[in-house]
Amino acid sequence: MGLDLEYGEAQTPLDQDEKEGLLIESVTTRGELDEVEQRNIEEAIRWTIERRRKFTAAEILTEEFIKLLHKRMLAGVWKWAGTFRNSNKNLGVDKYQIGTDLRMLLGDCRFWVENQTYLPDEIAVRFKHRIVSIHCFSNGNGRHSRLIADIIIEKVFGREVFTWGSKNLAKSSDLRSVYLNALREADKGNYAALVAFARS
């Protein structure tokens, strides 16, 4: 009779591929990984809060800042933090298109800001949606995209940061389903649900 092991989501062991580039050898489960990543992300949020007044829109909307923010978020966990992914995933553009697509997005966003093409919340949310669809990094793209949207809305437009449903979106929940449905609507060019979710 075989041993039938069932793991809760947080107890799921990481496989060798998932451990590639992991800096903390003692992390062995998805839950432990989420915990150490969250601690690093909280440090990055503190860094952005302390420095937000010193950022300019010109600094924020650059490839350098995009990479720096990701590095700040995950440098204590992953060797490759702040570095564009070098393999293709089931999400995102081809690895060779990342730099080109990101530069196009940054240029588009500068245009939206300068020409007030959309309302401020929609500009930040459109940026978040497009950067996550590029999927610049091997991990952390959703959290990175939400944080950059918060920085854009606060620094560029002087508005309150988004609440994103006020819960952890990484875990399975009804709230995550609402978020994913809003993302699917944005994929079709309808941003109202995602903007509303960002403010919920």
N, C-alpha and C. Protein backbone atom coordinates (compact mmCIF):
# COMPACT_ATOMS: atom_id res chain seq x y z
N MET A 1 0.84 -1.18 0.00
CA MET A 1 0.00 0.00 0.00
C MET A 1 0.89 1.25 0.00
N GLY A 2 0.65 2.15 -0.96
CA GLY A 2 1.47 3.35 -1.09
C GLY A 2 1.06 4.40 -0.08
N LEU A 3 1.96 5.30 0.15
CA LEU A 3 1.72 6.41 1.05
C LEU A 3 1.01 7.51 0.28
N ASP A 4 -0.16 7.92 0.71
CA ASP A 4 -0.94 8.94 0.02
C ASP A 4 -0.79 10.25 0.77
N LEU A 5 0.06 11.13 0.25
CA LEU A 5 0.29 12.41 0.91
C LEU A 5 -0.51 13.50 0.23
N GLU A 6 -1.24 14.26 1.02
CA GLU A 6 -1.94 15.43 0.50
C GLU A 6 -1.40 16.65 1.21
N TYR A 7 -1.00 17.65 0.42
CA TYR A 7 -0.44 18.86 0.99
C TYR A 7 -1.41 20.02 0.82
N GLY A 8 -1.49 20.84 1.86
CA GLY A 8 -2.17 22.11 1.69
C GLY A 8 -1.30 22.97 0.79
N GLU A 9 -1.88 24.02 0.23
CA GLU A 9 -1.13 24.87 -0.71
C GLU A 9 0.19 25.37 -0.11
N ALA A 10 0.17 25.80 1.14
CA ALA A 10 1.37 26.33 1.79
C ALA A 10 2.40 25.25 2.09
N GLN A 11 1.96 23.99 2.18
CA GLN A 11 2.86 22.89 2.52
C GLN A 11 3.47 22.23 1.29
N THR A 12 3.03 22.60 0.10
CA THR A 12 3.51 21.96 -1.12
C THR A 12 5.02 22.13 -1.24
N PRO A 13 5.75 21.02 -1.36
CA PRO A 13 7.20 21.13 -1.51
C PRO A 13 7.57 21.79 -2.84
N LEU A 14 8.64 22.57 -2.82
CA LEU A 14 9.15 23.17 -4.05
C LEU A 14 9.94 22.12 -4.82
N ASP A 15 9.77 22.08 -6.15
CA ASP A 15 10.58 21.14 -6.93
C ASP A 15 11.90 21.82 -7.31
N GLN A 16 12.79 21.07 -7.92
CA GLN A 16 14.13 21.59 -8.24
C GLN A 16 14.08 22.80 -9.16
N ASP A 17 13.18 22.79 -10.15
CA ASP A 17 13.06 23.95 -11.04
C ASP A 17 12.66 25.19 -10.28
N GLU A 18 11.73 25.03 -9.32
CA GLU A 18 11.26 26.18 -8.54
C GLU A 18 12.36 26.73 -7.63
N LYS A 19 13.32 25.89 -7.26
CA LYS A 19 14.39 26.32 -6.36
C LYS A 19 15.56 26.99 -7.11
N GLU A 20 15.55 26.91 -8.44
CA GLU A 20 16.64 27.47 -9.24
C GLU A 20 16.80 28.96 -8.95
N GLY A 21 17.94 29.36 -8.43
CA GLY A 21 18.20 30.75 -8.11
C GLY A 21 17.77 31.19 -6.72
N LEU A 22 17.21 30.26 -5.93
CA LEU A 22 16.77 30.58 -4.58
C LEU A 22 17.99 30.77 -3.67
N LEU A 23 18.02 31.87 -2.94
CA LEU A 23 19.17 32.20 -2.10
C LEU A 23 19.10 31.60 -0.70
N ILE A 24 17.92 31.16 -0.28
CA ILE A 24 17.73 30.68 1.09
C ILE A 24 17.49 29.17 1.06
N GLU A 25 18.51 28.41 1.38
CA GLU A 25 18.42 26.95 1.28
C GLU A 25 17.39 26.34 2.22
N SER A 26 17.10 26.99 3.32
CA SER A 26 16.16 26.42 4.29
C SER A 26 14.71 26.48 3.81
N VAL A 27 14.43 27.23 2.75
CA VAL A 27 13.06 27.32 2.20
C VAL A 27 12.79 26.07 1.37
N THR A 28 11.77 25.31 1.78
CA THR A 28 11.48 24.06 1.08
C THR A 28 10.03 23.94 0.62
N THR A 29 9.14 24.82 1.11
CA THR A 29 7.72 24.73 0.73
C THR A 29 7.25 26.05 0.12
N ARG A 30 6.13 25.97 -0.57
CA ARG A 30 5.51 27.16 -1.17
C ARG A 30 5.18 28.19 -0.09
N GLY A 31 4.67 27.75 1.05
CA GLY A 31 4.33 28.67 2.14
C GLY A 31 5.54 29.42 2.68
N GLU A 32 6.65 28.69 2.87
CA GLU A 32 7.88 29.35 3.34
C GLU A 32 8.38 30.35 2.31
N LEU A 33 8.30 30.00 1.04
CA LEU A 33 8.73 30.91 -0.02
C LEU A 33 7.86 32.17 -0.02
N ASP A 34 6.55 31.99 0.08
CA ASP A 34 5.64 33.15 0.12
C ASP A 34 5.99 34.07 1.29
N GLU A 35 6.32 33.46 2.42
CA GLU A 35 6.62 34.24 3.63
C GLU A 35 7.90 35.07 3.46
N VAL A 36 8.97 34.47 2.93
CA VAL A 36 10.21 35.24 2.78
C VAL A 36 10.09 36.26 1.67
N GLU A 37 9.35 35.93 0.62
CA GLU A 37 9.11 36.93 -0.43
C GLU A 37 8.32 38.10 0.12
N GLN A 38 7.29 37.83 0.92
CA GLN A 38 6.47 38.90 1.47
C GLN A 38 7.28 39.83 2.36
N ARG A 39 8.19 39.27 3.15
CA ARG A 39 9.04 40.13 4.00
C ARG A 39 9.88 41.07 3.14
N ASN A 40 10.46 40.55 2.06
CA ASN A 40 11.26 41.38 1.16
C ASN A 40 10.41 42.44 0.48
N ILE A 41 9.21 42.08 0.07
CA ILE A 41 8.32 43.01 -0.60
C ILE A 41 7.92 44.14 0.35
N GLU A 42 7.68 43.81 1.61
CA GLU A 42 7.36 44.84 2.60
C GLU A 42 8.51 45.83 2.76
N GLU A 43 9.74 45.32 2.69
CA GLU A 43 10.92 46.21 2.73
C GLU A 43 10.93 47.13 1.51
N ALA A 44 10.60 46.59 0.34
CA ALA A 44 10.56 47.39 -0.88
C ALA A 44 9.49 48.47 -0.79
N ILE A 45 8.34 48.11 -0.22
CA ILE A 45 7.26 49.09 -0.05
C ILE A 45 7.72 50.21 0.87
N ARG A 46 8.39 49.84 1.97
CA ARG A 46 8.92 50.87 2.88
C ARG A 46 9.89 51.79 2.15
N TRP A 47 10.76 51.19 1.33
CA TRP A 47 11.73 51.97 0.55
C TRP A 47 11.02 52.95 -0.37
N THR A 48 9.97 52.49 -1.05
CA THR A 48 9.26 53.39 -1.97
C THR A 48 8.52 54.48 -1.21
N ILE A 49 7.98 54.16 -0.04
CA ILE A 49 7.29 55.18 0.76
C ILE A 49 8.29 56.24 1.20
N GLU A 50 9.45 55.82 1.67
CA GLU A 50 10.47 56.76 2.12
C GLU A 50 10.97 57.62 0.99
N ARG A 51 11.06 57.07 -0.21
CA ARG A 51 11.67 57.78 -1.33
C ARG A 51 10.68 58.32 -2.34
N ARG A 52 9.40 58.03 -2.21
CA ARG A 52 8.45 58.43 -3.25
C ARG A 52 8.49 59.91 -3.58
N ARG A 53 8.62 60.74 -2.58
CA ARG A 53 8.62 62.19 -2.84
C ARG A 53 9.83 62.60 -3.66
N LYS A 54 10.88 61.77 -3.65
CA LYS A 54 12.10 62.10 -4.38
C LYS A 54 12.09 61.56 -5.81
N PHE A 55 11.12 60.70 -6.15
CA PHE A 55 11.04 60.17 -7.51
C PHE A 55 10.35 61.17 -8.43
N THR A 56 10.78 61.21 -9.66
CA THR A 56 10.08 61.99 -10.67
C THR A 56 9.43 61.02 -11.65
N ALA A 57 8.44 61.50 -12.40
CA ALA A 57 7.80 60.64 -13.40
C ALA A 57 8.84 60.14 -14.41
N ALA A 58 9.79 61.00 -14.75
CA ALA A 58 10.82 60.60 -15.71
C ALA A 58 11.66 59.44 -15.17
N GLU A 59 11.91 59.40 -13.84
CA GLU A 59 12.66 58.29 -13.24
C GLU A 59 11.83 57.02 -13.17
N ILE A 60 10.56 57.15 -12.83
CA ILE A 60 9.69 55.99 -12.65
C ILE A 60 9.48 55.25 -13.96
N LEU A 61 9.24 55.99 -15.03
CA LEU A 61 8.89 55.38 -16.31
C LEU A 61 10.14 55.08 -17.13
N THR A 62 11.04 54.29 -16.51
CA THR A 62 12.27 53.85 -17.18
C THR A 62 12.48 52.36 -16.92
N GLU A 63 13.21 51.74 -17.82
CA GLU A 63 13.57 50.34 -17.64
C GLU A 63 14.40 50.16 -16.37
N GLU A 64 15.27 51.11 -16.10
CA GLU A 64 16.13 51.02 -14.92
C GLU A 64 15.31 50.97 -13.63
N PHE A 65 14.29 51.83 -13.55
CA PHE A 65 13.46 51.84 -12.34
C PHE A 65 12.65 50.56 -12.22
N ILE A 66 12.12 50.07 -13.33
CA ILE A 66 11.34 48.82 -13.32
C ILE A 66 12.20 47.69 -12.74
N LYS A 67 13.45 47.60 -13.20
CA LYS A 67 14.35 46.54 -12.72
C LYS A 67 14.74 46.78 -11.26
N LEU A 68 15.03 48.03 -10.91
CA LEU A 68 15.43 48.36 -9.53
C LEU A 68 14.32 48.00 -8.55
N LEU A 69 13.08 48.31 -8.89
CA LEU A 69 11.97 48.01 -7.99
C LEU A 69 11.84 46.50 -7.79
N HIS A 70 11.95 45.73 -8.86
CA HIS A 70 11.88 44.27 -8.73
C HIS A 70 13.03 43.75 -7.87
N LYS A 71 14.21 44.31 -8.07
CA LYS A 71 15.37 43.89 -7.27
C LYS A 71 15.13 44.21 -5.80
N ARG A 72 14.61 45.39 -5.52
CA ARG A 72 14.30 45.76 -4.14
C ARG A 72 13.29 44.81 -3.52
N MET A 73 12.34 44.33 -4.34
CA MET A 73 11.29 43.44 -3.85
C MET A 73 11.80 42.05 -3.51
N LEU A 74 12.75 41.52 -4.31
CA LEU A 74 13.07 40.09 -4.20
C LEU A 74 14.55 39.75 -4.12
N ALA A 75 15.42 40.75 -3.97
CA ALA A 75 16.86 40.49 -3.97
C ALA A 75 17.31 39.59 -2.82
N GLY A 76 16.60 39.60 -1.71
CA GLY A 76 16.98 38.75 -0.58
C GLY A 76 16.55 37.30 -0.75
N VAL A 77 15.80 37.03 -1.83
CA VAL A 77 15.24 35.70 -2.02
C VAL A 77 15.80 35.02 -3.29
N TRP A 78 15.90 35.79 -4.37
CA TRP A 78 16.28 35.21 -5.68
C TRP A 78 17.54 35.87 -6.24
N LYS A 79 18.45 35.06 -6.77
CA LYS A 79 19.67 35.57 -7.42
C LYS A 79 19.34 36.48 -8.59
N TRP A 80 18.28 36.13 -9.32
CA TRP A 80 17.95 36.83 -10.56
C TRP A 80 17.02 38.03 -10.35
N ALA A 81 16.76 38.43 -9.13
CA ALA A 81 15.87 39.57 -8.88
C ALA A 81 16.36 40.79 -9.64
N GLY A 82 15.44 41.47 -10.31
CA GLY A 82 15.79 42.67 -11.06
C GLY A 82 16.36 42.39 -12.44
N THR A 83 16.39 41.13 -12.84
CA THR A 83 16.92 40.73 -14.14
C THR A 83 15.79 40.14 -14.97
N PHE A 84 15.68 40.57 -16.22
CA PHE A 84 14.64 40.01 -17.08
C PHE A 84 14.81 38.51 -17.21
N ARG A 85 13.70 37.80 -17.32
CA ARG A 85 13.76 36.35 -17.44
C ARG A 85 14.48 35.96 -18.73
N ASN A 86 15.16 34.82 -18.69
CA ASN A 86 15.90 34.35 -19.86
C ASN A 86 15.33 33.05 -20.42
N SER A 87 14.08 32.76 -20.05
CA SER A 87 13.40 31.59 -20.61
C SER A 87 11.95 31.98 -20.89
N ASN A 88 11.32 31.24 -21.78
CA ASN A 88 9.92 31.50 -22.09
C ASN A 88 9.03 30.78 -21.09
N LYS A 89 7.91 31.40 -20.79
CA LYS A 89 6.94 30.85 -19.84
C LYS A 89 5.61 30.68 -20.57
N ASN A 90 4.65 30.09 -19.89
CA ASN A 90 3.32 29.98 -20.50
C ASN A 90 2.58 31.32 -20.47
N LEU A 91 3.15 32.31 -19.79
CA LEU A 91 2.61 33.67 -19.74
C LEU A 91 3.64 34.62 -20.32
N GLY A 92 3.17 35.71 -20.87
CA GLY A 92 4.08 36.77 -21.28
C GLY A 92 4.58 36.64 -22.71
N VAL A 93 5.33 37.66 -23.10
CA VAL A 93 5.89 37.70 -24.44
C VAL A 93 7.13 36.82 -24.51
N ASP A 94 7.60 36.58 -25.72
CA ASP A 94 8.85 35.85 -25.90
C ASP A 94 9.97 36.59 -25.16
N LYS A 95 10.89 35.84 -24.59
CA LYS A 95 11.97 36.44 -23.78
C LYS A 95 12.75 37.51 -24.55
N TYR A 96 12.86 37.36 -25.88
CA TYR A 96 13.61 38.34 -26.67
C TYR A 96 12.82 39.62 -26.92
N GLN A 97 11.52 39.61 -26.63
CA GLN A 97 10.66 40.78 -26.84
C GLN A 97 10.49 41.63 -25.59
N ILE A 98 10.97 41.15 -24.44
CA ILE A 98 10.71 41.84 -23.17
C ILE A 98 11.17 43.30 -23.22
N GLY A 99 12.42 43.53 -23.56
CA GLY A 99 12.96 44.90 -23.58
C GLY A 99 12.21 45.80 -24.54
N THR A 100 11.93 45.30 -25.73
CA THR A 100 11.22 46.09 -26.75
C THR A 100 9.81 46.43 -26.29
N ASP A 101 9.07 45.42 -25.81
CA ASP A 101 7.69 45.65 -25.38
C ASP A 101 7.63 46.58 -24.17
N LEU A 102 8.60 46.44 -23.26
CA LEU A 102 8.61 47.33 -22.09
C LEU A 102 8.89 48.76 -22.52
N ARG A 103 9.85 48.97 -23.42
CA ARG A 103 10.14 50.34 -23.89
C ARG A 103 8.91 50.96 -24.56
N MET A 104 8.16 50.15 -25.33
CA MET A 104 6.93 50.65 -25.95
C MET A 104 5.92 51.04 -24.89
N LEU A 105 5.77 50.22 -23.85
CA LEU A 105 4.84 50.54 -22.77
C LEU A 105 5.25 51.82 -22.05
N LEU A 106 6.51 51.96 -21.74
CA LEU A 106 6.99 53.16 -21.04
C LEU A 106 6.72 54.41 -21.88
N GLY A 107 6.98 54.32 -23.18
CA GLY A 107 6.70 55.44 -24.07
C GLY A 107 5.21 55.75 -24.14
N ASP A 108 4.39 54.70 -24.24
CA ASP A 108 2.94 54.90 -24.26
C ASP A 108 2.47 55.58 -22.98
N CYS A 109 2.98 55.12 -21.85
CA CYS A 109 2.55 55.68 -20.57
C CYS A 109 2.95 57.15 -20.44
N ARG A 110 4.16 57.48 -20.88
CA ARG A 110 4.57 58.90 -20.86
C ARG A 110 3.61 59.73 -21.71
N PHE A 111 3.21 59.20 -22.87
CA PHE A 111 2.26 59.89 -23.75
C PHE A 111 0.92 60.06 -23.05
N TRP A 112 0.41 58.99 -22.40
CA TRP A 112 -0.88 59.06 -21.71
C TRP A 112 -0.86 60.14 -20.64
N VAL A 113 0.27 60.20 -19.90
CA VAL A 113 0.38 61.18 -18.82
C VAL A 113 0.42 62.59 -19.40
N GLU A 114 1.29 62.81 -20.37
CA GLU A 114 1.47 64.16 -20.94
C GLU A 114 0.20 64.66 -21.62
N ASN A 115 -0.56 63.76 -22.23
CA ASN A 115 -1.75 64.16 -23.00
C ASN A 115 -3.06 63.88 -22.28
N GLN A 116 -2.98 63.41 -21.03
CA GLN A 116 -4.17 63.10 -20.24
C GLN A 116 -5.15 62.24 -21.06
N THR A 117 -4.59 61.22 -21.69
CA THR A 117 -5.37 60.34 -22.57
C THR A 117 -6.49 59.64 -21.82
N TYR A 118 -6.21 59.23 -20.59
CA TYR A 118 -7.18 58.55 -19.73
C TYR A 118 -7.17 59.23 -18.38
N LEU A 119 -8.14 58.89 -17.55
CA LEU A 119 -8.13 59.38 -16.17
C LEU A 119 -6.93 58.76 -15.44
N PRO A 120 -6.43 59.43 -14.39
CA PRO A 120 -5.24 58.93 -13.70
C PRO A 120 -5.31 57.47 -13.26
N ASP A 121 -6.41 57.05 -12.62
CA ASP A 121 -6.50 55.66 -12.17
C ASP A 121 -6.37 54.70 -13.35
N GLU A 122 -6.99 55.05 -14.46
CA GLU A 122 -6.93 54.15 -15.62
C GLU A 122 -5.53 54.09 -16.22
N ILE A 123 -4.81 55.21 -16.20
CA ILE A 123 -3.42 55.19 -16.71
C ILE A 123 -2.58 54.21 -15.88
N ALA A 124 -2.67 54.33 -14.56
CA ALA A 124 -1.87 53.45 -13.69
C ALA A 124 -2.27 52.00 -13.85
N VAL A 125 -3.58 51.74 -13.97
CA VAL A 125 -4.07 50.37 -14.10
C VAL A 125 -3.74 49.80 -15.47
N ARG A 126 -3.81 50.61 -16.52
CA ARG A 126 -3.41 50.15 -17.86
C ARG A 126 -1.92 49.77 -17.84
N PHE A 127 -1.10 50.59 -17.19
CA PHE A 127 0.32 50.28 -17.10
C PHE A 127 0.51 48.95 -16.38
N LYS A 128 -0.17 48.78 -15.25
CA LYS A 128 -0.07 47.54 -14.47
C LYS A 128 -0.46 46.33 -15.32
N HIS A 129 -1.55 46.46 -16.05
CA HIS A 129 -2.05 45.35 -16.87
C HIS A 129 -1.05 45.00 -17.98
N ARG A 130 -0.52 46.00 -18.65
CA ARG A 130 0.41 45.72 -19.75
C ARG A 130 1.73 45.17 -19.27
N ILE A 131 2.25 45.69 -18.16
CA ILE A 131 3.55 45.19 -17.72
C ILE A 131 3.44 43.75 -17.22
N VAL A 132 2.33 43.40 -16.58
CA VAL A 132 2.18 42.02 -16.13
C VAL A 132 1.99 41.10 -17.32
N SER A 133 1.39 41.59 -18.40
CA SER A 133 1.23 40.74 -19.59
C SER A 133 2.55 40.53 -20.32
N ILE A 134 3.48 41.47 -20.18
CA ILE A 134 4.82 41.27 -20.74
C ILE A 134 5.54 40.19 -19.93
N HIS A 135 5.30 40.17 -18.62
CA HIS A 135 5.88 39.16 -17.71
C HIS A 135 7.42 39.25 -17.75
N CYS A 136 7.92 40.40 -17.34
CA CYS A 136 9.36 40.70 -17.46
C CYS A 136 10.25 39.74 -16.67
N PHE A 137 9.78 39.27 -15.53
CA PHE A 137 10.62 38.53 -14.60
C PHE A 137 10.15 37.09 -14.42
N SER A 138 11.00 36.26 -13.89
CA SER A 138 10.64 34.85 -13.69
C SER A 138 9.56 34.68 -12.63
N ASN A 139 9.50 35.60 -11.67
CA ASN A 139 8.54 35.49 -10.57
C ASN A 139 8.26 36.89 -10.05
N GLY A 140 7.11 37.06 -9.40
CA GLY A 140 6.81 38.33 -8.75
C GLY A 140 6.18 39.38 -9.65
N ASN A 141 5.78 39.03 -10.85
CA ASN A 141 5.26 40.02 -11.81
C ASN A 141 3.97 40.68 -11.35
N GLY A 142 3.05 39.92 -10.78
CA GLY A 142 1.79 40.50 -10.32
C GLY A 142 2.00 41.51 -9.20
N ARG A 143 2.78 41.12 -8.21
CA ARG A 143 3.04 42.02 -7.08
C ARG A 143 3.83 43.24 -7.53
N HIS A 144 4.79 43.03 -8.43
CA HIS A 144 5.59 44.13 -8.97
C HIS A 144 4.68 45.11 -9.72
N SER A 145 3.77 44.59 -10.54
CA SER A 145 2.90 45.45 -11.34
C SER A 145 1.97 46.27 -10.46
N ARG A 146 1.48 45.68 -9.37
CA ARG A 146 0.61 46.43 -8.47
C ARG A 146 1.39 47.53 -7.75
N LEU A 147 2.61 47.23 -7.34
CA LEU A 147 3.41 48.24 -6.65
C LEU A 147 3.78 49.39 -7.59
N ILE A 148 4.13 49.09 -8.83
CA ILE A 148 4.48 50.17 -9.77
C ILE A 148 3.24 51.02 -10.07
N ALA A 149 2.06 50.39 -10.14
CA ALA A 149 0.82 51.17 -10.33
C ALA A 149 0.60 52.11 -9.15
N ASP A 150 0.86 51.62 -7.93
CA ASP A 150 0.74 52.47 -6.74
C ASP A 150 1.70 53.66 -6.80
N ILE A 151 2.91 53.40 -7.25
CA ILE A 151 3.90 54.47 -7.35
C ILE A 151 3.47 55.49 -8.39
N ILE A 152 2.98 55.02 -9.53
CA ILE A 152 2.52 55.95 -10.58
C ILE A 152 1.36 56.80 -10.08
N ILE A 153 0.37 56.17 -9.47
CA ILE A 153 -0.80 56.94 -9.05
C ILE A 153 -0.45 57.94 -7.95
N GLU A 154 0.46 57.57 -7.07
CA GLU A 154 0.82 58.50 -5.99
C GLU A 154 1.79 59.57 -6.45
N LYS A 155 2.87 59.17 -7.12
CA LYS A 155 3.91 60.15 -7.46
C LYS A 155 3.54 61.00 -8.67
N VAL A 156 3.06 60.37 -9.72
CA VAL A 156 2.76 61.13 -10.93
C VAL A 156 1.49 61.97 -10.77
N PHE A 157 0.48 61.39 -10.09
CA PHE A 157 -0.82 62.06 -10.02
C PHE A 157 -1.17 62.59 -8.64
N GLY A 158 -0.35 62.30 -7.62
CA GLY A 158 -0.60 62.83 -6.28
C GLY A 158 -1.86 62.29 -5.64
N ARG A 159 -2.23 61.05 -5.98
CA ARG A 159 -3.44 60.44 -5.43
C ARG A 159 -3.08 59.31 -4.49
N GLU A 160 -4.08 58.87 -3.73
CA GLU A 160 -3.89 57.76 -2.80
C GLU A 160 -3.55 56.48 -3.56
N VAL A 161 -2.70 55.65 -2.94
CA VAL A 161 -2.37 54.36 -3.56
C VAL A 161 -3.62 53.48 -3.60
N PHE A 162 -3.58 52.48 -4.45
CA PHE A 162 -4.71 51.56 -4.60
C PHE A 162 -4.76 50.60 -3.41
N THR A 163 -5.92 50.03 -3.18
CA THR A 163 -6.09 49.06 -2.10
C THR A 163 -6.09 47.62 -2.60
N TRP A 164 -6.34 47.40 -3.88
CA TRP A 164 -6.31 46.07 -4.50
C TRP A 164 -7.11 45.05 -3.70
N GLY A 165 -8.30 45.43 -3.27
CA GLY A 165 -9.14 44.51 -2.52
C GLY A 165 -8.73 44.35 -1.07
N SER A 166 -7.65 45.00 -0.66
CA SER A 166 -7.16 45.00 0.73
C SER A 166 -6.81 43.63 1.28
N LYS A 167 -6.49 42.66 0.44
CA LYS A 167 -6.13 41.32 0.91
C LYS A 167 -4.97 40.78 0.08
N ASN A 168 -4.42 39.67 0.51
CA ASN A 168 -3.35 38.98 -0.21
C ASN A 168 -3.93 38.29 -1.45
N LEU A 169 -3.54 38.77 -2.62
CA LEU A 169 -4.09 38.21 -3.86
C LEU A 169 -3.35 36.97 -4.33
N ALA A 170 -2.26 36.62 -3.67
CA ALA A 170 -1.50 35.43 -4.07
C ALA A 170 -2.22 34.15 -3.65
N LYS A 171 -3.02 34.22 -2.61
CA LYS A 171 -3.70 33.02 -2.12
C LYS A 171 -5.04 32.84 -2.83
N SER A 172 -5.46 31.59 -2.96
CA SER A 172 -6.75 31.29 -3.58
C SER A 172 -7.87 31.84 -2.72
N SER A 173 -8.80 32.55 -3.34
CA SER A 173 -9.93 33.11 -2.61
C SER A 173 -10.94 33.63 -3.62
N ASP A 174 -12.13 33.98 -3.10
CA ASP A 174 -13.14 34.59 -3.96
C ASP A 174 -12.62 35.93 -4.48
N LEU A 175 -11.88 36.65 -3.64
CA LEU A 175 -11.34 37.94 -4.04
C LEU A 175 -10.37 37.77 -5.22
N ARG A 176 -9.54 36.75 -5.16
CA ARG A 176 -8.62 36.49 -6.27
C ARG A 176 -9.39 36.19 -7.55
N SER A 177 -10.51 35.50 -7.44
CA SER A 177 -11.33 35.21 -8.62
C SER A 177 -11.86 36.50 -9.23
N VAL A 178 -12.31 37.44 -8.39
CA VAL A 178 -12.79 38.74 -8.87
C VAL A 178 -11.65 39.46 -9.60
N TYR A 179 -10.47 39.43 -9.00
CA TYR A 179 -9.29 40.06 -9.59
C TYR A 179 -8.96 39.44 -10.95
N LEU A 180 -8.94 38.11 -11.02
CA LEU A 180 -8.61 37.43 -12.28
C LEU A 180 -9.66 37.70 -13.35
N ASN A 181 -10.92 37.77 -12.96
CA ASN A 181 -11.97 38.13 -13.93
C ASN A 181 -11.79 39.55 -14.45
N ALA A 182 -11.40 40.46 -13.55
CA ALA A 182 -11.15 41.85 -13.97
C ALA A 182 -9.96 41.90 -14.94
N LEU A 183 -8.93 41.08 -14.68
CA LEU A 183 -7.79 41.02 -15.60
C LEU A 183 -8.22 40.49 -16.97
N ARG A 184 -9.09 39.48 -16.98
CA ARG A 184 -9.58 38.93 -18.26
C ARG A 184 -10.37 39.98 -19.04
N GLU A 185 -11.15 40.79 -18.33
CA GLU A 185 -11.88 41.88 -19.00
C GLU A 185 -10.89 42.90 -19.58
N ALA A 186 -9.84 43.20 -18.82
CA ALA A 186 -8.82 44.13 -19.31
C ALA A 186 -8.12 43.57 -20.54
N ASP A 187 -7.95 42.25 -20.59
CA ASP A 187 -7.36 41.61 -21.78
C ASP A 187 -8.18 41.93 -23.02
N LYS A 188 -9.48 42.14 -22.84
CA LYS A 188 -10.38 42.46 -23.96
C LYS A 188 -10.47 43.97 -24.21
N GLY A 189 -9.73 44.75 -23.41
CA GLY A 189 -9.76 46.21 -23.58
C GLY A 189 -10.76 46.92 -22.69
N ASN A 190 -11.40 46.18 -21.77
CA ASN A 190 -12.37 46.78 -20.84
C ASN A 190 -11.70 46.92 -19.47
N TYR A 191 -11.36 48.15 -19.10
CA TYR A 191 -10.58 48.37 -17.88
C TYR A 191 -11.42 48.75 -16.66
N ALA A 192 -12.72 48.95 -16.85
CA ALA A 192 -13.55 49.46 -15.74
C ALA A 192 -13.51 48.54 -14.52
N ALA A 193 -13.62 47.23 -14.74
CA ALA A 193 -13.64 46.29 -13.61
C ALA A 193 -12.30 46.28 -12.88
N LEU A 194 -11.20 46.38 -13.60
CA LEU A 194 -9.88 46.37 -12.97
C LEU A 194 -9.63 47.67 -12.20
N VAL A 195 -10.07 48.79 -12.76
CA VAL A 195 -9.95 50.07 -12.05
C VAL A 195 -10.79 50.02 -10.77
N ALA A 196 -12.01 49.49 -10.89
CA ALA A 196 -12.88 49.39 -9.70
C ALA A 196 -12.26 48.46 -8.66
N PHE A 197 -11.69 47.34 -9.10
CA PHE A 197 -11.06 46.42 -8.16
C PHE A 197 -9.86 47.09 -7.47
N ALA A 198 -9.08 47.83 -8.22
CA ALA A 198 -7.91 48.50 -7.64
C ALA A 198 -8.30 49.43 -6.52
N ARG A 199 -9.48 50.00 -6.60
CA ARG A 199 -9.96 50.93 -5.58
C ARG A 199 -10.86 50.27 -4.54
N SER A 200 -11.05 48.94 -4.62
CA SER A 200 -11.95 48.26 -3.67
C SER A 200 -11.24 47.89 -2.38
